[in-house]
Amino acid sequence: MTNAKRGAADDGSADDNERWMVINGRRWRRTDPELPEELVERLKSHLGRGRSGVGVAKRANDDSAVAASRKRVGIAKHGLGERGPYWWEEPVAARIQRAHDALQELDQLDARTDSDADAD
């Protein structure tokens, strides 16, 4: 991937270090630092549940549950700014709105899951 495609030079600058982290040699986008702490914690809770769900579904060989859990992970990561548009290229208000929208979508997934369980 070229530096232009990444959206930031990989020069070790303060901006670069605030935007990216390296784990086991792989570069990952950091969570948007402008998001309110409570919003981040709620999104991370959904992210953790989604990641856990992927593992459980894989062990059960349930492809539809894997897909549903990966969808939850993707929505949470978009809300946190870890996927999708580069958060540092957007106005703060738009980033916070994206996080709220993601949280609302995740909460709606929970509501649908709860109503499906009640129907059983």
C-alpha atoms as a PDB file:
ATOM      1  CA  MET A   1       0.000   0.000   0.000  1.00  0.00           C
ATOM      2  CA  THR A   2       1.448   3.384  -0.920  1.00  0.00           C
ATOM      3  CA  ASN A   3       1.658   6.258   1.532  1.00  0.00           C
ATOM      4  CA  ALA A   4      -0.808   8.258  -0.562  1.00  0.00           C
ATOM      5  CA  LYS A   5      -3.323   5.442  -0.330  1.00  0.00           C
ATOM      6  CA  ARG A   6      -2.929   5.261   3.452  1.00  0.00           C
ATOM      7  CA  GLY A   7      -3.801   8.910   3.805  1.00  0.00           C
ATOM      8  CA  ALA A   8      -0.728   9.724   5.906  1.00  0.00           C
ATOM      9  CA  ALA A   9       2.990   9.554   5.552  1.00  0.00           C
ATOM     10  CA  ASP A  10       4.541   6.766   7.581  1.00  0.00           C
ATOM     11  CA  ASP A  11       7.341   8.967   8.867  1.00  0.00           C
ATOM     12  CA  GLY A  12       6.979   8.456  12.627  1.00  0.00           C
ATOM     13  CA  SER A  13       5.635  11.981  13.069  1.00  0.00           C
ATOM     14  CA  ALA A  14       3.334  12.874  15.960  1.00  0.00           C
ATOM     15  CA  ASP A  15       0.347  12.971  13.594  1.00  0.00           C
ATOM     16  CA  ASP A  16       1.260   9.569  12.204  1.00  0.00           C
ATOM     17  CA  ASN A  17       1.647   8.095  15.697  1.00  0.00           C
ATOM     18  CA  GLU A  18      -1.743   9.489  16.736  1.00  0.00           C
ATOM     19  CA  ARG A  19      -3.407   7.931  13.701  1.00  0.00           C
ATOM     20  CA  TRP A  20      -1.795   4.509  13.512  1.00  0.00           C
ATOM     21  CA  MET A  21      -0.457   1.771  15.763  1.00  0.00           C
ATOM     22  CA  VAL A  22       1.675  -1.216  14.814  1.00  0.00           C
ATOM     23  CA  ILE A  23       0.946  -4.663  16.241  1.00  0.00           C
ATOM     24  CA  ASN A  24       3.074  -7.617  15.152  1.00  0.00           C
ATOM     25  CA  GLY A  25       4.384  -5.592  12.232  1.00  0.00           C
ATOM     26  CA  ARG A  26       0.923  -4.701  10.943  1.00  0.00           C
ATOM     27  CA  ARG A  27      -0.353  -1.139  10.968  1.00  0.00           C
ATOM     28  CA  TRP A  28      -3.846  -0.508  12.365  1.00  0.00           C
ATOM     29  CA  ARG A  29      -5.833   2.697  12.486  1.00  0.00           C
ATOM     30  CA  ARG A  30      -6.379   4.084  15.982  1.00  0.00           C
ATOM     31  CA  THR A  31      -9.745   4.988  17.446  1.00  0.00           C
ATOM     32  CA  ASP A  32     -10.769   8.589  16.818  1.00  0.00           C
ATOM     33  CA  PRO A  33      -9.452  10.528  19.852  1.00  0.00           C
ATOM     34  CA  GLU A  34     -12.201  13.153  19.589  1.00  0.00           C
ATOM     35  CA  LEU A  35     -15.032  10.738  20.362  1.00  0.00           C
ATOM     36  CA  PRO A  36     -16.556  11.084  23.837  1.00  0.00           C
ATOM     37  CA  GLU A  37     -15.302   8.400  26.242  1.00  0.00           C
ATOM     38  CA  GLU A  38     -18.777   6.996  26.984  1.00  0.00           C
ATOM     39  CA  LEU A  39     -19.484   6.606  23.269  1.00  0.00           C
ATOM     40  CA  VAL A  40     -16.148   4.839  22.727  1.00  0.00           C
ATOM     41  CA  GLU A  41     -16.813   2.451  25.615  1.00  0.00           C
ATOM     42  CA  ARG A  42     -20.251   1.517  24.288  1.00  0.00           C
ATOM     43  CA  LEU A  43     -18.896   0.949  20.782  1.00  0.00           C
ATOM     44  CA  LYS A  44     -16.014  -1.117  22.160  1.00  0.00           C
ATOM     45  CA  SER A  45     -18.509  -3.231  24.086  1.00  0.00           C
ATOM     46  CA  HIS A  46     -20.311  -4.012  20.834  1.00  0.00           C
ATOM     47  CA  LEU A  47     -16.946  -4.654  19.174  1.00  0.00           C
ATOM     48  CA  GLY A  48     -15.956  -7.145  21.863  1.00  0.00           C
ATOM     49  CA  ARG A  49     -19.279  -8.948  21.643  1.00  0.00           C
ATOM     50  CA  GLY A  50     -18.951  -9.104  17.871  1.00  0.00           C
ATOM     51  CA  ARG A  51     -15.424 -10.509  18.037  1.00  0.00           C
ATOM     52  CA  SER A  52     -16.498 -13.067  20.613  1.00  0.00           C
ATOM     53  CA  GLY A  53     -19.484 -13.988  18.450  1.00  0.00           C
ATOM     54  CA  VAL A  54     -17.199 -14.618  15.468  1.00  0.00           C
ATOM     55  CA  GLY A  55     -15.205 -17.138  17.483  1.00  0.00           C
ATOM     56  CA  VAL A  56     -18.264 -18.896  18.890  1.00  0.00           C
ATOM     57  CA  ALA A  57     -19.903 -19.072  15.465  1.00  0.00           C
ATOM     58  CA  LYS A  58     -16.738 -20.379  13.799  1.00  0.00           C
ATOM     59  CA  ARG A  59     -16.433 -23.152  16.371  1.00  0.00           C
ATOM     60  CA  ALA A  60     -20.080 -24.047  15.729  1.00  0.00           C
ATOM     61  CA  ASN A  61     -19.533 -23.956  11.924  1.00  0.00           C
ATOM     62  CA  ASP A  62     -22.424 -21.473  11.678  1.00  0.00           C
ATOM     63  CA  ASP A  63     -21.624 -19.350   8.630  1.00  0.00           C
ATOM     64  CA  SER A  64     -24.654 -17.076   9.005  1.00  0.00           C
ATOM     65  CA  ALA A  65     -23.748 -16.321  12.632  1.00  0.00           C
ATOM     66  CA  VAL A  66     -20.132 -15.614  11.585  1.00  0.00           C
ATOM     67  CA  ALA A  67     -21.421 -13.140   8.998  1.00  0.00           C
ATOM     68  CA  ALA A  68     -23.757 -11.462  11.512  1.00  0.00           C
ATOM     69  CA  SER A  69     -20.960 -11.149  14.065  1.00  0.00           C
ATOM     70  CA  ARG A  70     -18.544  -9.765  11.480  1.00  0.00           C
ATOM     71  CA  LYS A  71     -21.192  -7.213  10.509  1.00  0.00           C
ATOM     72  CA  ARG A  72     -21.354  -6.110  14.165  1.00  0.00           C
ATOM     73  CA  VAL A  73     -17.544  -5.815  14.268  1.00  0.00           C
ATOM     74  CA  GLY A  74     -17.515  -3.756  11.067  1.00  0.00           C
ATOM     75  CA  ILE A  75     -20.206  -1.348  12.254  1.00  0.00           C
ATOM     76  CA  ALA A  76     -18.427  -0.829  15.575  1.00  0.00           C
ATOM     77  CA  LYS A  77     -15.064  -0.260  13.898  1.00  0.00           C
ATOM     78  CA  HIS A  78     -16.613   2.278  11.495  1.00  0.00           C
ATOM     79  CA  GLY A  79     -18.166   4.075  14.458  1.00  0.00           C
ATOM     80  CA  LEU A  80     -14.814   4.172  16.241  1.00  0.00           C
ATOM     81  CA  GLY A  81     -13.154   5.568  13.104  1.00  0.00           C
ATOM     82  CA  GLU A  82     -10.987   2.476  12.693  1.00  0.00           C
ATOM     83  CA  ARG A  83     -12.515   1.722   9.283  1.00  0.00           C
ATOM     84  CA  GLY A  84     -14.127   3.821   6.595  1.00  0.00           C
ATOM     85  CA  PRO A  85     -13.128   7.418   5.930  1.00  0.00           C
ATOM     86  CA  TYR A  86      -9.981   8.634   7.663  1.00  0.00           C
ATOM     87  CA  TRP A  87     -11.249  10.394  10.785  1.00  0.00           C
ATOM     88  CA  TRP A  88      -8.548  13.059  10.623  1.00  0.00           C
ATOM     89  CA  GLU A  89      -9.873  14.183   7.236  1.00  0.00           C
ATOM     90  CA  GLU A  90     -13.417  14.868   8.500  1.00  0.00           C
ATOM     91  CA  PRO A  91     -14.907  17.561  10.734  1.00  0.00           C
ATOM     92  CA  VAL A  92     -15.248  16.474  14.367  1.00  0.00           C
ATOM     93  CA  ALA A  93     -19.045  16.889  14.314  1.00  0.00           C
ATOM     94  CA  ALA A  94     -19.347  14.470  11.365  1.00  0.00           C
ATOM     95  CA  ARG A  95     -17.118  11.940  13.138  1.00  0.00           C
ATOM     96  CA  ILE A  96     -19.173  12.093  16.317  1.00  0.00           C
ATOM     97  CA  GLN A  97     -22.382  11.753  14.307  1.00  0.00           C
ATOM     98  CA  ARG A  98     -20.973   8.687  12.515  1.00  0.00           C
ATOM     99  CA  ALA A  99     -20.183   7.123  15.903  1.00  0.00           C
ATOM    100  CA  HIS A 100     -23.691   7.841  17.206  1.00  0.00           C
ATOM    101  CA  ASP A 101     -25.217   6.400  14.029  1.00  0.00           C
ATOM    102  CA  ALA A 102     -23.128   3.236  14.395  1.00  0.00           C
ATOM    103  CA  LEU A 103     -24.147   2.868  18.022  1.00  0.00           C
ATOM    104  CA  GLN A 104     -27.812   3.283  17.107  1.00  0.00           C
ATOM    105  CA  GLU A 105     -27.478   0.610  14.403  1.00  0.00           C
ATOM    106  CA  LEU A 106     -25.758  -1.758  16.842  1.00  0.00           C
ATOM    107  CA  ASP A 107     -28.413  -1.168  19.495  1.00  0.00           C
ATOM    108  CA  GLN A 108     -31.074  -1.941  16.877  1.00  0.00           C
ATOM    109  CA  LEU A 109     -29.287  -5.217  16.080  1.00  0.00           C
ATOM    110  CA  ASP A 110     -29.507  -6.075  19.784  1.00  0.00           C
ATOM    111  CA  ALA A 111     -33.207  -5.234  19.847  1.00  0.00           C
ATOM    112  CA  ARG A 112     -33.846  -7.484  16.832  1.00  0.00           C
ATOM    113  CA  THR A 113     -31.806 -10.293  18.382  1.00  0.00           C
ATOM    114  CA  ASP A 114     -33.748  -9.950  21.646  1.00  0.00           C
ATOM    115  CA  SER A 115     -37.097 -10.029  19.819  1.00  0.00           C
ATOM    116  CA  ASP A 116     -35.973 -13.103  17.824  1.00  0.00           C
ATOM    117  CA  ALA A 117     -35.078 -14.871  21.076  1.00  0.00           C
ATOM    118  CA  ASP A 118     -38.471 -13.968  22.561  1.00  0.00           C
ATOM    119  CA  ALA A 119     -40.218 -15.524  19.532  1.00  0.00           C
ATOM    120  CA  ASP A 120     -38.605 -18.911  20.231  1.00  0.00           C
END
